[in-house]
């Protein structure tokens, strides 16, 4: 279901899909902030990605996010992970059902009021 929502909505944002991997094309992060208890990543095209579930930084730190390029978003249902693959490093979001803190794991608000929800 998540993949169907992504395929339906990512074309509105100018992104493409390939099999189970979603590939944004070189979206640069302009800022990253902690809002109360979740992470918000702002992109130069005006898109905002809110990450509500626990996440792990690999090869990058929170303070390094600004200026990084999001290369692709990968979903791995077998490991319950969504990987935000950057030009340097990866942010892994845990989507195991027992760790959810909100009704959705992540929400991408794109330009033109399009929304992609990982739930």
Protein backbone atom coordinates (compact mmCIF):
# COMPACT_ATOMS: atom_id res chain seq x y z
CA UNK A 1 0.00 0.00 0.00
CA UNK A 2 2.80 2.42 0.85
CA UNK A 3 4.41 1.85 -2.52
CA UNK A 4 1.11 2.48 -4.32
CA UNK A 5 0.70 5.80 -2.52
CA UNK A 6 4.29 6.74 -3.36
CA UNK A 7 3.96 5.84 -7.03
CA UNK A 8 0.73 7.79 -7.28
CA UNK A 9 2.09 10.92 -5.60
CA UNK A 10 5.82 11.08 -6.36
CA UNK A 11 5.24 11.88 -10.02
CA UNK A 12 3.49 15.06 -8.84
CA UNK A 13 6.72 15.99 -7.06
CA UNK A 14 8.89 15.24 -10.09
CA UNK A 15 10.28 12.01 -8.60
CA UNK A 16 10.40 8.59 -10.25
CA UNK A 17 10.04 5.06 -8.95
CA UNK A 18 11.78 1.81 -9.79
CA UNK A 19 10.57 -1.51 -8.36
CA UNK A 20 10.53 -1.17 -4.55
CA UNK A 21 12.99 1.71 -4.51
CA UNK A 22 11.86 5.31 -4.70
CA UNK A 23 14.41 7.67 -6.25
CA UNK A 24 14.22 11.39 -5.69
CA UNK A 25 16.59 13.07 -8.14
CA UNK A 26 19.24 15.08 -6.31
CA UNK A 27 17.13 16.94 -3.77
CA UNK A 28 19.41 19.15 -1.64
CA UNK A 29 18.70 19.61 2.07
CA UNK A 30 18.55 23.29 2.99
CA UNK A 31 17.95 22.73 6.71
CA UNK A 32 17.20 20.11 9.36
CA UNK A 33 15.56 20.84 12.69
CA UNK A 34 14.21 19.01 15.71
CA UNK A 35 10.59 20.02 16.29
CA UNK A 36 9.48 18.86 19.74
CA UNK A 37 9.99 15.09 19.39
CA UNK A 38 10.49 14.60 15.64
CA UNK A 39 12.98 15.43 12.88
CA UNK A 40 12.09 17.80 10.07
CA UNK A 41 14.18 17.98 6.89
CA UNK A 42 13.63 20.96 4.60
CA UNK A 43 14.71 20.80 0.94
CA UNK A 44 15.67 23.64 -1.41
CA UNK A 45 12.60 22.97 -3.59
CA UNK A 46 10.31 23.78 -0.65
CA UNK A 47 9.51 20.16 0.23
CA UNK A 48 9.49 19.21 3.92
CA UNK A 49 10.02 15.68 5.23
CA UNK A 50 8.83 15.06 8.79
CA UNK A 51 10.28 11.91 10.40
CA UNK A 52 8.28 10.79 13.44
CA UNK A 53 9.77 7.34 14.08
CA UNK A 54 13.15 6.60 15.68
CA UNK A 55 16.05 6.94 13.27
CA UNK A 56 19.73 6.09 13.10
CA UNK A 57 22.40 8.21 11.42
CA UNK A 58 25.07 6.19 9.58
CA UNK A 59 28.08 7.98 8.10
CA UNK A 60 26.48 11.37 8.76
CA UNK A 61 25.46 13.38 11.81
CA UNK A 62 22.44 15.58 12.37
CA UNK A 63 24.60 18.69 12.07
CA UNK A 64 25.95 17.42 8.70
CA UNK A 65 22.52 17.17 7.03
CA UNK A 66 22.40 20.75 5.73
CA UNK A 67 23.82 20.80 2.21
CA UNK A 68 23.64 17.00 1.74
CA UNK A 69 21.74 15.62 -1.23
CA UNK A 70 18.99 13.05 -0.80
CA UNK A 71 19.69 10.50 -3.51
CA UNK A 72 16.93 7.96 -2.88
CA UNK A 73 14.45 6.56 -0.39
CA UNK A 74 14.46 2.77 0.01
CA UNK A 75 11.85 0.71 1.80
CA UNK A 76 12.80 -2.71 3.16
CA UNK A 77 9.70 -4.40 4.50
CA UNK A 78 11.66 -7.46 5.69
CA UNK A 79 13.80 -5.37 8.08
CA UNK A 80 11.15 -2.70 8.81
CA UNK A 81 13.49 0.09 7.67
CA UNK A 82 13.17 3.08 5.41
CA UNK A 83 16.59 4.31 4.30
CA UNK A 84 17.14 7.91 3.28
CA UNK A 85 20.26 7.54 1.15
CA UNK A 86 22.29 10.74 1.01
CA UNK A 87 25.28 11.67 -1.13
CA UNK A 88 27.28 10.96 2.03
CA UNK A 89 25.73 8.72 4.66
CA UNK A 90 22.32 7.23 5.33
CA UNK A 91 19.47 7.95 7.70
CA UNK A 92 17.61 4.75 8.64
CA UNK A 93 14.05 5.12 9.93
CA UNK A 94 12.68 2.28 12.03
CA UNK A 95 9.15 1.37 10.93
CA UNK A 96 8.73 -1.71 13.11
CA UNK A 97 5.12 -1.52 14.37
CA UNK A 98 6.04 -1.40 18.09
CA UNK A 99 8.15 1.78 17.77
CA UNK A 100 5.63 4.10 16.13
CA UNK A 101 5.11 7.37 18.01
CA UNK A 102 2.54 8.91 15.64
CA UNK A 103 -0.05 7.56 13.20
CA UNK A 104 2.53 7.75 10.40
CA UNK A 105 6.28 7.09 10.25
CA UNK A 106 7.11 9.95 7.85
CA UNK A 107 5.28 12.58 5.85
CA UNK A 108 6.66 14.40 2.81
CA UNK A 109 4.95 17.71 2.06
CA UNK A 110 5.86 18.64 -1.49
CA UNK A 111 5.50 21.78 -3.55
CA UNK A 112 1.98 22.33 -4.84
CA UNK A 113 0.41 20.87 -1.69
CA UNK A 114 1.15 17.23 -2.60
CA UNK A 115 1.63 14.87 0.34
CA UNK A 116 3.26 11.43 0.61
CA UNK A 117 2.60 9.47 3.81
CA UNK A 118 4.47 6.41 5.05
CA UNK A 119 2.02 4.63 7.34
